[in-house]
PDB file of N, CA and C in Angstrom:
ATOM      1  N   MET A   1      61.405  47.666  -0.697  1.00  0.00           N
ATOM      2  CA  MET A   1      61.010  45.849  -1.251  1.00  0.00           C
ATOM      3  C   MET A   1      60.561  44.960   0.419  1.00  0.00           C
ATOM      4  N   PRO A   2      59.351  44.419   0.344  1.00  0.00           N
ATOM      5  CA  PRO A   2      58.928  44.196   1.243  1.00  0.00           C
ATOM      6  C   PRO A   2      59.375  42.705   1.974  1.00  0.00           C
ATOM      7  N   THR A   3      59.411  42.444   3.361  1.00  0.00           N
ATOM      8  CA  THR A   3      59.929  41.058   3.481  1.00  0.00           C
ATOM      9  C   THR A   3      59.170  40.075   2.692  1.00  0.00           C
ATOM     10  N   THR A   4      59.631  38.728   2.222  1.00  0.00           N
ATOM     11  CA  THR A   4      59.368  37.376   1.707  1.00  0.00           C
ATOM     12  C   THR A   4      58.159  37.109   2.637  1.00  0.00           C
ATOM     13  N   ILE A   5      57.285  37.072   2.680  1.00  0.00           N
ATOM     14  CA  ILE A   5      56.542  36.663   3.648  1.00  0.00           C
ATOM     15  C   ILE A   5      55.980  34.927   2.874  1.00  0.00           C
ATOM     16  N   ILE A   6      55.761  34.756   1.515  1.00  0.00           N
ATOM     17  CA  ILE A   6      55.545  33.859   1.239  1.00  0.00           C
ATOM     18  C   ILE A   6      56.638  33.389  -0.146  1.00  0.00           C
ATOM     19  N   ILE A   7      56.999  32.571  -0.561  1.00  0.00           N
ATOM     20  CA  ILE A   7      57.766  32.609  -1.902  1.00  0.00           C
ATOM     21  C   ILE A   7      57.134  31.765  -2.667  1.00  0.00           C
ATOM     22  N   LYS A   8      57.780  31.659  -4.073  1.00  0.00           N
ATOM     23  CA  LYS A   8      57.317  31.166  -4.649  1.00  0.00           C
ATOM     24  C   LYS A   8      56.569  30.029  -5.009  1.00  0.00           C
ATOM     25  N   GLU A   9      57.253  29.012  -4.671  1.00  0.00           N
ATOM     26  CA  GLU A   9      56.738  27.637  -4.685  1.00  0.00           C
ATOM     27  C   GLU A   9      55.433  27.576  -3.868  1.00  0.00           C
ATOM     28  N   GLN A  10      55.448  28.686  -2.719  1.00  0.00           N
ATOM     29  CA  GLN A  10      54.406  28.468  -1.717  1.00  0.00           C
ATOM     30  C   GLN A  10      53.083  29.263  -2.624  1.00  0.00           C
ATOM     31  N   TRP A  11      53.130  30.145  -3.520  1.00  0.00           N
ATOM     32  CA  TRP A  11      52.049  31.148  -3.898  1.00  0.00           C
ATOM     33  C   TRP A  11      51.643  29.920  -5.332  1.00  0.00           C
ATOM     34  N   GLN A  12      52.438  29.061  -5.852  1.00  0.00           N
ATOM     35  CA  GLN A  12      51.702  28.559  -6.843  1.00  0.00           C
ATOM     36  C   GLN A  12      50.833  27.161  -6.221  1.00  0.00           C
ATOM     37  N   LYS A  13      50.931  27.100  -4.789  1.00  0.00           N
ATOM     38  CA  LYS A  13      50.100  26.332  -4.367  1.00  0.00           C
ATOM     39  C   LYS A  13      48.762  26.841  -3.789  1.00  0.00           C
ATOM     40  N   LEU A  14      49.015  28.315  -3.202  1.00  0.00           N
ATOM     41  CA  LEU A  14      47.779  28.605  -2.664  1.00  0.00           C
ATOM     42  C   LEU A  14      46.684  29.319  -3.843  1.00  0.00           C
ATOM     43  N   LYS A  15      47.499  29.638  -5.296  1.00  0.00           N
ATOM     44  CA  LYS A  15      46.911  30.045  -6.132  1.00  0.00           C
ATOM     45  C   LYS A  15      45.576  29.378  -6.582  1.00  0.00           C
ATOM     46  N   PRO A  16      45.902  28.246  -6.640  1.00  0.00           N
ATOM     47  CA  PRO A  16      44.351  27.234  -6.984  1.00  0.00           C
ATOM     48  C   PRO A  16      43.546  27.383  -5.826  1.00  0.00           C
ATOM     49  N   ILE A  17      43.726  27.750  -4.870  1.00  0.00           N
ATOM     50  CA  ILE A  17      42.918  27.386  -3.432  1.00  0.00           C
ATOM     51  C   ILE A  17      41.999  28.696  -3.318  1.00  0.00           C
ATOM     52  N   PHE A  18      42.753  29.778  -4.214  1.00  0.00           N
ATOM     53  CA  PHE A  18      42.819  30.852  -4.374  1.00  0.00           C
ATOM     54  C   PHE A  18      41.265  30.881  -5.323  1.00  0.00           C
ATOM     55  N   LEU A  19      41.422  30.439  -6.700  1.00  0.00           N
ATOM     56  CA  LEU A  19      40.570  30.046  -7.583  1.00  0.00           C
ATOM     57  C   LEU A  19      39.272  29.179  -7.394  1.00  0.00           C
ATOM     58  N   ASP A  20      39.764  28.184  -6.835  1.00  0.00           N
ATOM     59  CA  ASP A  20      38.613  27.370  -6.197  1.00  0.00           C
ATOM     60  C   ASP A  20      37.776  27.858  -5.296  1.00  0.00           C
ATOM     61  N   LEU A  21      37.933  29.267  -4.635  1.00  0.00           N
ATOM     62  CA  LEU A  21      36.878  29.621  -4.087  1.00  0.00           C
ATOM     63  C   LEU A  21      36.427  30.589  -4.789  1.00  0.00           C
ATOM     64  N   ASN A  22      36.779  30.905  -6.198  1.00  0.00           N
ATOM     65  CA  ASN A  22      36.061  31.837  -7.098  1.00  0.00           C
ATOM     66  C   ASN A  22      36.592  33.372  -6.740  1.00  0.00           C
ATOM     67  N   ILE A  23      37.687  33.343  -6.172  1.00  0.00           N
ATOM     68  CA  ILE A  23      38.610  34.794  -6.117  1.00  0.00           C
ATOM     69  C   ILE A  23      38.899  35.300  -7.399  1.00  0.00           C
ATOM     70  N   ASP A  24      38.572  36.551  -7.708  1.00  0.00           N
ATOM     71  CA  ASP A  24      39.333  36.746  -8.974  1.00  0.00           C
ATOM     72  C   ASP A  24      40.807  36.382  -9.299  1.00  0.00           C
ATOM     73  N   ASP A  25      40.948  36.181 -10.285  1.00  0.00           N
ATOM     74  CA  ASP A  25      42.892  35.925 -10.511  1.00  0.00           C
ATOM     75  C   ASP A  25      43.175  37.415 -11.438  1.00  0.00           C
ATOM     76  N   LYS A  26      43.530  38.452 -10.756  1.00  0.00           N
ATOM     77  CA  LYS A  26      43.948  39.461 -10.810  1.00  0.00           C
ATOM     78  C   LYS A  26      45.503  39.433 -10.868  1.00  0.00           C
ATOM     79  N   LEU A  27      46.141  40.489 -11.970  1.00  0.00           N
ATOM     80  CA  LEU A  27      47.411  40.612 -11.558  1.00  0.00           C
ATOM     81  C   LEU A  27      47.989  40.875  -9.923  1.00  0.00           C
ATOM     82  N   SER A  28      47.700  41.554  -9.440  1.00  0.00           N
ATOM     83  CA  SER A  28      47.375  42.204  -8.013  1.00  0.00           C
ATOM     84  C   SER A  28      47.075  40.634  -7.129  1.00  0.00           C
ATOM     85  N   LEU A  29      46.723  39.987  -7.058  1.00  0.00           N
ATOM     86  CA  LEU A  29      45.807  39.035  -6.336  1.00  0.00           C
ATOM     87  C   LEU A  29      46.999  38.618  -4.815  1.00  0.00           C
ATOM     88  N   LYS A  30      47.862  37.893  -5.598  1.00  0.00           N
ATOM     89  CA  LYS A  30      49.167  37.696  -4.658  1.00  0.00           C
ATOM     90  C   LYS A  30      49.604  38.939  -3.863  1.00  0.00           C
ATOM     91  N   ASP A  31      49.709  40.167  -4.766  1.00  0.00           N
ATOM     92  CA  ASP A  31      49.772  41.787  -3.534  1.00  0.00           C
ATOM     93  C   ASP A  31      48.648  41.908  -2.723  1.00  0.00           C
ATOM     94  N   THR A  32      47.801  41.559  -2.842  1.00  0.00           N
ATOM     95  CA  THR A  32      46.509  41.810  -1.932  1.00  0.00           C
ATOM     96  C   THR A  32      46.234  41.334  -1.049  1.00  0.00           C
ATOM     97  N   PHE A  33      46.687  39.760  -1.260  1.00  0.00           N
ATOM     98  CA  PHE A  33      46.569  38.997   0.168  1.00  0.00           C
ATOM     99  C   PHE A  33      47.783  39.025   0.700  1.00  0.00           C
ATOM    100  N   LEU A  34      49.034  39.046   0.663  1.00  0.00           N
ATOM    101  CA  LEU A  34      50.071  39.532   1.285  1.00  0.00           C
ATOM    102  C   LEU A  34      50.019  40.885   1.891  1.00  0.00           C
ATOM    103  N   GLY A  35      49.368  41.601   1.454  1.00  0.00           N
ATOM    104  CA  GLY A  35      48.990  43.066   1.816  1.00  0.00           C
ATOM    105  C   GLY A  35      48.199  42.826   3.147  1.00  0.00           C
ATOM    106  N   ILE A  36      47.354  41.855   3.530  1.00  0.00           N
ATOM    107  CA  ILE A  36      46.172  41.682   4.178  1.00  0.00           C
ATOM    108  C   ILE A  36      46.950  41.047   5.186  1.00  0.00           C
ATOM    109  N   ILE A  37      47.649  40.018   4.653  1.00  0.00           N
ATOM    110  CA  ILE A  37      48.139  39.197   5.956  1.00  0.00           C
ATOM    111  C   ILE A  37      49.652  40.229   6.645  1.00  0.00           C
ATOM    112  N   TYR A  38      50.184  41.198   5.904  1.00  0.00           N
ATOM    113  CA  TYR A  38      50.829  42.321   6.451  1.00  0.00           C
ATOM    114  C   TYR A  38      50.335  42.794   7.345  1.00  0.00           C
ATOM    115  N   ARG A  39      48.868  43.346   6.904  1.00  0.00           N
ATOM    116  CA  ARG A  39      48.825  44.225   8.271  1.00  0.00           C
ATOM    117  C   ARG A  39      47.758  43.650   9.315  1.00  0.00           C
ATOM    118  N   LEU A  40      47.393  42.137   9.006  1.00  0.00           N
ATOM    119  CA  LEU A  40      47.060  41.459  10.345  1.00  0.00           C
ATOM    120  C   LEU A  40      48.126  40.938  11.291  1.00  0.00           C
ATOM    121  N   LYS A  41      49.651  40.846  10.744  1.00  0.00           N
ATOM    122  CA  LYS A  41      50.546  40.130  11.293  1.00  0.00           C
ATOM    123  C   LYS A  41      51.315  41.716  11.985  1.00  0.00           C
ATOM    124  N   THR A  42      51.063  42.909  11.731  1.00  0.00           N
ATOM    125  CA  THR A  42      51.719  44.189  12.045  1.00  0.00           C
ATOM    126  C   THR A  42      50.395  45.142  12.887  1.00  0.00           C
ATOM    127  N   ASP A  43      49.260  44.780  12.564  1.00  0.00           N
ATOM    128  CA  ASP A  43      47.890  45.807  13.258  1.00  0.00           C
ATOM    129  C   ASP A  43      48.147  47.167  13.020  1.00  0.00           C
ATOM    130  N   CYS A  44      49.106  47.522  12.107  1.00  0.00           N
ATOM    131  CA  CYS A  44      48.897  48.897  11.448  1.00  0.00           C
ATOM    132  C   CYS A  44      47.524  49.335  10.886  1.00  0.00           C
ATOM    133  N   PRO A  45      47.133  50.543  11.042  1.00  0.00           N
ATOM    134  CA  PRO A  45      46.079  50.917  10.149  1.00  0.00           C
ATOM    135  C   PRO A  45      46.140  50.797   8.652  1.00  0.00           C
ATOM    136  N   TRP A  46      45.231  50.823   8.062  1.00  0.00           N
ATOM    137  CA  TRP A  46      45.267  50.323   6.466  1.00  0.00           C
ATOM    138  C   TRP A  46      45.810  51.178   5.958  1.00  0.00           C
ATOM    139  N   ARG A  47      45.401  52.447   6.275  1.00  0.00           N
ATOM    140  CA  ARG A  47      46.552  53.796   5.368  1.00  0.00           C
ATOM    141  C   ARG A  47      47.582  54.126   5.389  1.00  0.00           C
ATOM    142  N   TYR A  48      48.476  52.936   6.711  1.00  0.00           N
ATOM    143  CA  TYR A  48      49.380  52.687   6.544  1.00  0.00           C
ATOM    144  C   TYR A  48      50.372  51.944   5.938  1.00  0.00           C
ATOM    145  N   LEU A  49      49.560  51.260   5.435  1.00  0.00           N
ATOM    146  CA  LEU A  49      49.866  49.729   4.474  1.00  0.00           C
ATOM    147  C   LEU A  49      50.929  49.918   3.512  1.00  0.00           C
ATOM    148  N   PRO A  50      52.167  49.731   3.599  1.00  0.00           N
ATOM    149  CA  PRO A  50      53.086  50.097   2.274  1.00  0.00           C
ATOM    150  C   PRO A  50      52.599  50.030   0.926  1.00  0.00           C
ATOM    151  N   ASN A  51      53.073  50.782   0.490  1.00  0.00           N
ATOM    152  CA  ASN A  51      52.402  50.863  -1.315  1.00  0.00           C
ATOM    153  C   ASN A  51      52.622  49.792  -2.056  1.00  0.00           C
ATOM    154  N   TYR A  52      53.587  49.074  -1.692  1.00  0.00           N
ATOM    155  CA  TYR A  52      54.023  47.677  -2.397  1.00  0.00           C
ATOM    156  C   TYR A  52      53.033  46.767  -2.738  1.00  0.00           C
ATOM    157  N   TYR A  53      52.391  46.727  -1.635  1.00  0.00           N
ATOM    158  CA  TYR A  53      50.755  46.047  -1.450  1.00  0.00           C
ATOM    159  C   TYR A  53      49.690  46.823  -2.394  1.00  0.00           C
ATOM    160  N   GLY A  54      49.755  47.218  -3.183  1.00  0.00           N
ATOM    161  CA  GLY A  54      48.520  48.047  -3.975  1.00  0.00           C
ATOM    162  C   GLY A  54      48.558  49.399  -3.024  1.00  0.00           C
ATOM    163  N   LYS A  55      46.903  49.743  -3.281  1.00  0.00           N
ATOM    164  CA  LYS A  55      46.663  50.814  -2.752  1.00  0.00           C
ATOM    165  C   LYS A  55      45.717  50.431  -1.613  1.00  0.00           C
ATOM    166  N   ALA A  56      46.052  51.046  -0.304  1.00  0.00           N
ATOM    167  CA  ALA A  56      45.602  50.552   1.120  1.00  0.00           C
ATOM    168  C   ALA A  56      44.249  49.983   0.834  1.00  0.00           C
ATOM    169  N   ASN A  57      43.277  50.990   0.269  1.00  0.00           N
ATOM    170  CA  ASN A  57      41.553  51.010   0.108  1.00  0.00           C
ATOM    171  C   ASN A  57      41.277  49.773  -0.864  1.00  0.00           C
ATOM    172  N   THR A  58      42.319  49.327  -1.603  1.00  0.00           N
ATOM    173  CA  THR A  58      41.867  48.142  -2.848  1.00  0.00           C
ATOM    174  C   THR A  58      41.893  46.794  -1.859  1.00  0.00           C
ATOM    175  N   VAL A  59      43.105  47.195  -0.770  1.00  0.00           N
ATOM    176  CA  VAL A  59      43.806  45.500   0.072  1.00  0.00           C
ATOM    177  C   VAL A  59      42.518  45.632   0.964  1.00  0.00           C
ATOM    178  N   PHE A  60      41.853  47.028   1.255  1.00  0.00           N
ATOM    179  CA  PHE A  60      41.149  46.451   2.927  1.00  0.00           C
ATOM    180  C   PHE A  60      39.489  46.214   2.364  1.00  0.00           C
ATOM    181  N   LYS A  61      39.190  47.063   0.911  1.00  0.00           N
ATOM    182  CA  LYS A  61      38.040  46.396   0.164  1.00  0.00           C
ATOM    183  C   LYS A  61      38.072  44.680  -0.092  1.00  0.00           C
ATOM    184  N   ALA A  62      39.079  44.510  -0.570  1.00  0.00           N
ATOM    185  CA  ALA A  62      39.007  42.851  -0.635  1.00  0.00           C
ATOM    186  C   ALA A  62      38.635  42.440   0.686  1.00  0.00           C
ATOM    187  N   PHE A  63      39.480  42.639   1.648  1.00  0.00           N
ATOM    188  CA  PHE A  63      39.433  41.835   3.065  1.00  0.00           C
ATOM    189  C   PHE A  63      38.378  41.886   3.345  1.00  0.00           C
ATOM    190  N   ARG A  64      37.727  43.206   3.073  1.00  0.00           N
ATOM    191  CA  ARG A  64      36.303  43.624   3.553  1.00  0.00           C
ATOM    192  C   ARG A  64      35.231  42.204   3.086  1.00  0.00           C
ATOM    193  N   GLN A  65      35.133  42.372   1.415  1.00  0.00           N
ATOM    194  CA  GLN A  65      34.575  41.301   0.635  1.00  0.00           C
ATOM    195  C   GLN A  65      34.875  40.034   1.016  1.00  0.00           C
ATOM    196  N   TRP A  66      35.893  39.668   0.994  1.00  0.00           N
ATOM    197  CA  TRP A  66      36.484  38.414   1.259  1.00  0.00           C
ATOM    198  C   TRP A  66      36.002  37.699   2.781  1.00  0.00           C
ATOM    199  N   SER A  67      35.778  38.865   3.753  1.00  0.00           N
ATOM    200  CA  SER A  67      35.406  38.656   5.102  1.00  0.00           C
ATOM    201  C   SER A  67      33.722  38.605   5.157  1.00  0.00           C
ATOM    202  N   ALA A  68      33.032  39.228   4.522  1.00  0.00           N
ATOM    203  CA  ALA A  68      31.369  39.404   4.479  1.00  0.00           C
ATOM    204  C   ALA A  68      31.269  38.115   3.746  1.00  0.00           C
ATOM    205  N   SER A  69      31.870  37.756   2.799  1.00  0.00           N
ATOM    206  CA  SER A  69      31.220  36.650   2.143  1.00  0.00           C
ATOM    207  C   SER A  69      31.858  34.781   2.695  1.00  0.00           C
ATOM    208  N   ASP A  70      32.612  34.724   3.882  1.00  0.00           N
ATOM    209  CA  ASP A  70      33.110  33.988   4.498  1.00  0.00           C
ATOM    210  C   ASP A  70      34.238  33.325   3.337  1.00  0.00           C
ATOM    211  N   LEU A  71      34.612  33.972   2.405  1.00  0.00           N
ATOM    212  CA  LEU A  71      35.995  33.408   1.506  1.00  0.00           C
ATOM    213  C   LEU A  71      36.990  33.147   2.802  1.00  0.00           C
ATOM    214  N   PHE A  72      37.650  34.505   3.394  1.00  0.00           N
ATOM    215  CA  PHE A  72      38.277  34.603   3.918  1.00  0.00           C
ATOM    216  C   PHE A  72      38.573  33.824   5.081  1.00  0.00           C
ATOM    217  N   TYR A  73      37.420  33.142   5.954  1.00  0.00           N
ATOM    218  CA  TYR A  73      37.267  31.969   6.833  1.00  0.00           C
ATOM    219  C   TYR A  73      37.817  30.541   5.925  1.00  0.00           C
ATOM    220  N   ARG A  74      36.842  30.634   4.697  1.00  0.00           N
ATOM    221  CA  ARG A  74      37.092  29.045   4.108  1.00  0.00           C
ATOM    222  C   ARG A  74      38.220  28.926   3.698  1.00  0.00           C
ATOM    223  N   LEU A  75      39.082  30.003   3.777  1.00  0.00           N
ATOM    224  CA  LEU A  75      40.812  29.965   2.773  1.00  0.00           C
ATOM    225  C   LEU A  75      41.398  29.571   4.306  1.00  0.00           C
ATOM    226  N   LEU A  76      41.352  30.655   5.297  1.00  0.00           N
ATOM    227  CA  LEU A  76      42.152  30.464   6.529  1.00  0.00           C
ATOM    228  C   LEU A  76      42.051  28.754   6.925  1.00  0.00           C
ATOM    229  N   ARG A  77      40.812  28.335   7.169  1.00  0.00           N
ATOM    230  CA  ARG A  77      40.241  27.000   7.356  1.00  0.00           C
ATOM    231  C   ARG A  77      40.691  25.931   6.237  1.00  0.00           C
ATOM    232  N   ILE A  78      41.143  26.209   5.026  1.00  0.00           N
ATOM    233  CA  ILE A  78      41.982  25.213   3.995  1.00  0.00           C
ATOM    234  C   ILE A  78      43.228  25.159   4.222  1.00  0.00           C
ATOM    235  N   LEU A  79      43.792  26.344   4.806  1.00  0.00           N
ATOM    236  CA  LEU A  79      45.110  26.505   4.928  1.00  0.00           C
ATOM    237  C   LEU A  79      45.434  25.776   6.501  1.00  0.00           C
ATOM    238  N   ILE A  80      44.794  26.045   7.605  1.00  0.00           N
ATOM    239  CA  ILE A  80      44.924  25.495   8.579  1.00  0.00           C
ATOM    240  C   ILE A  80      44.977  23.705   8.184  1.00  0.00           C
TER     241      ILE A  80
END
């Protein structure tokens, strides 16, 4: 079980921001986001990302797509 990075109330505030940025509302959206945060926090190789965040390749592709389209930057600017 992962360390709780964000609590339910925080996710409820974050989710509309993702939707405003046109990021797909998939069941794994929270896990994908938390996987990206975990990877940035720990600096582990993508392939060693714990399974409970989803497939490492899926999380990596989301990060790459969000970064390439400036979505990740805009998300972080909103959060700051």
